[in-house]
Protein backbone atom coordinates (compact mmCIF):
# COMPACT_ATOMS: atom_id res chain seq x y z
CA MET A 1 81.89 88.55 103.58
CA ARG A 2 81.95 91.32 105.68
CA ILE A 3 85.14 92.71 107.39
CA LEU A 4 85.62 95.21 109.91
CA GLU A 5 89.48 96.38 109.95
CA ASP A 6 90.69 98.89 112.45
CA SER A 7 93.71 100.51 111.31
CA THR A 8 93.86 103.19 113.65
CA ASP A 9 97.32 104.40 114.76
CA VAL A 10 98.72 101.94 112.12
CA LYS A 11 101.94 102.77 110.20
CA VAL A 12 101.70 102.25 106.11
CA THR A 13 105.17 99.92 105.67
CA PHE A 14 104.48 99.53 102.08
CA SER A 15 104.68 102.19 99.14
CA ILE A 16 102.49 103.31 96.45
CA LYS A 17 104.21 100.92 94.01
CA GLU A 18 103.23 98.18 95.69
CA ILE A 19 99.22 99.04 95.61
CA ASP A 20 99.08 96.97 92.37
CA PHE A 21 100.44 93.88 94.15
CA LEU A 22 97.71 94.41 97.02
CA VAL A 23 94.95 94.91 94.28
CA GLU A 24 96.11 91.58 92.64
CA ALA A 25 96.12 89.89 95.96
CA LEU A 26 92.83 91.14 96.88
CA ASN A 27 90.95 90.29 93.42
CA GLU A 28 92.37 86.68 93.94
CA THR A 29 91.62 86.12 97.51
CA THR A 30 87.99 87.52 97.13
CA GLN A 31 86.99 86.40 93.78
CA ASN A 32 85.38 83.31 95.26
CA PHE A 33 83.06 85.21 97.26
CA THR A 34 79.38 86.40 96.41
CA THR A 35 79.84 89.74 98.09
CA VAL A 36 82.80 91.40 100.18
CA LYS A 37 82.33 94.52 102.05
CA HIS A 38 85.53 95.70 103.55
CA ALA A 39 85.38 98.56 106.10
CA VAL A 40 88.49 100.14 107.19
CA ILE A 41 88.79 102.51 110.45
CA LEU A 42 91.57 105.00 109.92
CA ASN A 43 92.63 108.15 111.61
CA SER A 44 95.63 109.14 109.35
CA PRO A 45 95.35 110.92 106.39
CA VAL A 46 98.30 109.28 104.89
CA ASN A 47 96.51 105.70 105.51
CA THR A 48 93.32 107.37 103.64
CA VAL A 49 95.08 108.28 100.51
CA PHE A 50 96.55 104.85 100.27
CA ALA A 51 93.00 103.37 100.69
CA MET A 52 91.72 105.99 98.04
CA ILE A 53 94.17 104.79 95.55
CA LEU A 54 93.47 101.47 96.34
CA THR A 55 89.89 101.78 95.51
CA SER A 56 90.62 103.89 92.51
CA LYS A 57 92.38 100.50 91.04
CA LYS A 58 90.35 97.85 89.21
CA LEU A 59 89.22 95.82 91.78
CA VAL A 60 86.99 92.85 91.21
CA LYS A 61 83.11 93.51 91.15
CA ASN A 62 82.01 91.90 94.36
CA TYR A 63 84.77 93.51 96.48
CA GLU A 64 83.74 97.00 98.05
CA LEU A 65 85.91 99.05 100.37
CA SER A 66 85.05 101.94 102.10
CA VAL A 67 87.14 104.13 104.88
CA PHE A 68 85.59 105.25 108.35
CA SER A 69 86.80 107.25 111.05
CA SER A 70 84.45 105.51 113.84
CA VAL A 71 83.60 101.85 114.62
CA SER A 72 79.99 102.60 114.63
CA ALA A 73 79.65 104.20 111.22
CA ALA A 74 81.78 101.38 109.75
CA LEU A 75 79.27 98.94 111.71
CA ALA A 76 76.48 100.62 110.03
CA TRP A 77 77.76 100.63 106.39
CA LEU A 78 78.58 96.85 106.86
CA GLY A 79 74.86 96.34 107.90
CA SER A 80 75.64 95.13 111.61
CA ASP A 81 73.18 95.63 114.19
CA LEU A 82 76.06 96.05 116.85
CA LYS A 83 76.82 99.77 117.92
CA SER A 84 80.25 98.86 119.05
CA VAL A 85 82.77 96.15 118.90
CA PRO A 86 82.84 93.77 121.82
CA THR A 87 86.44 94.11 123.76
CA GLU A 88 87.94 91.38 126.09
């Protein structure tokens, strides 16, 4: 599974104390997939720190999270042939 999440201009509404709950939920929901590559596009230093803390936690082996500042870089990491995301 490949996930492209555009979280630019998103305000985090949870605390650092809740990251362990997120890790538990991620581990539970991704355990049945062979591999999960999750690309997150961020433009906030605070959100980037939250993502870095999340990746430092014990995640299941098949789950990989990486942070990007552009859609094209995230798509390249995911192995997509797209250069941008189609819009409506």
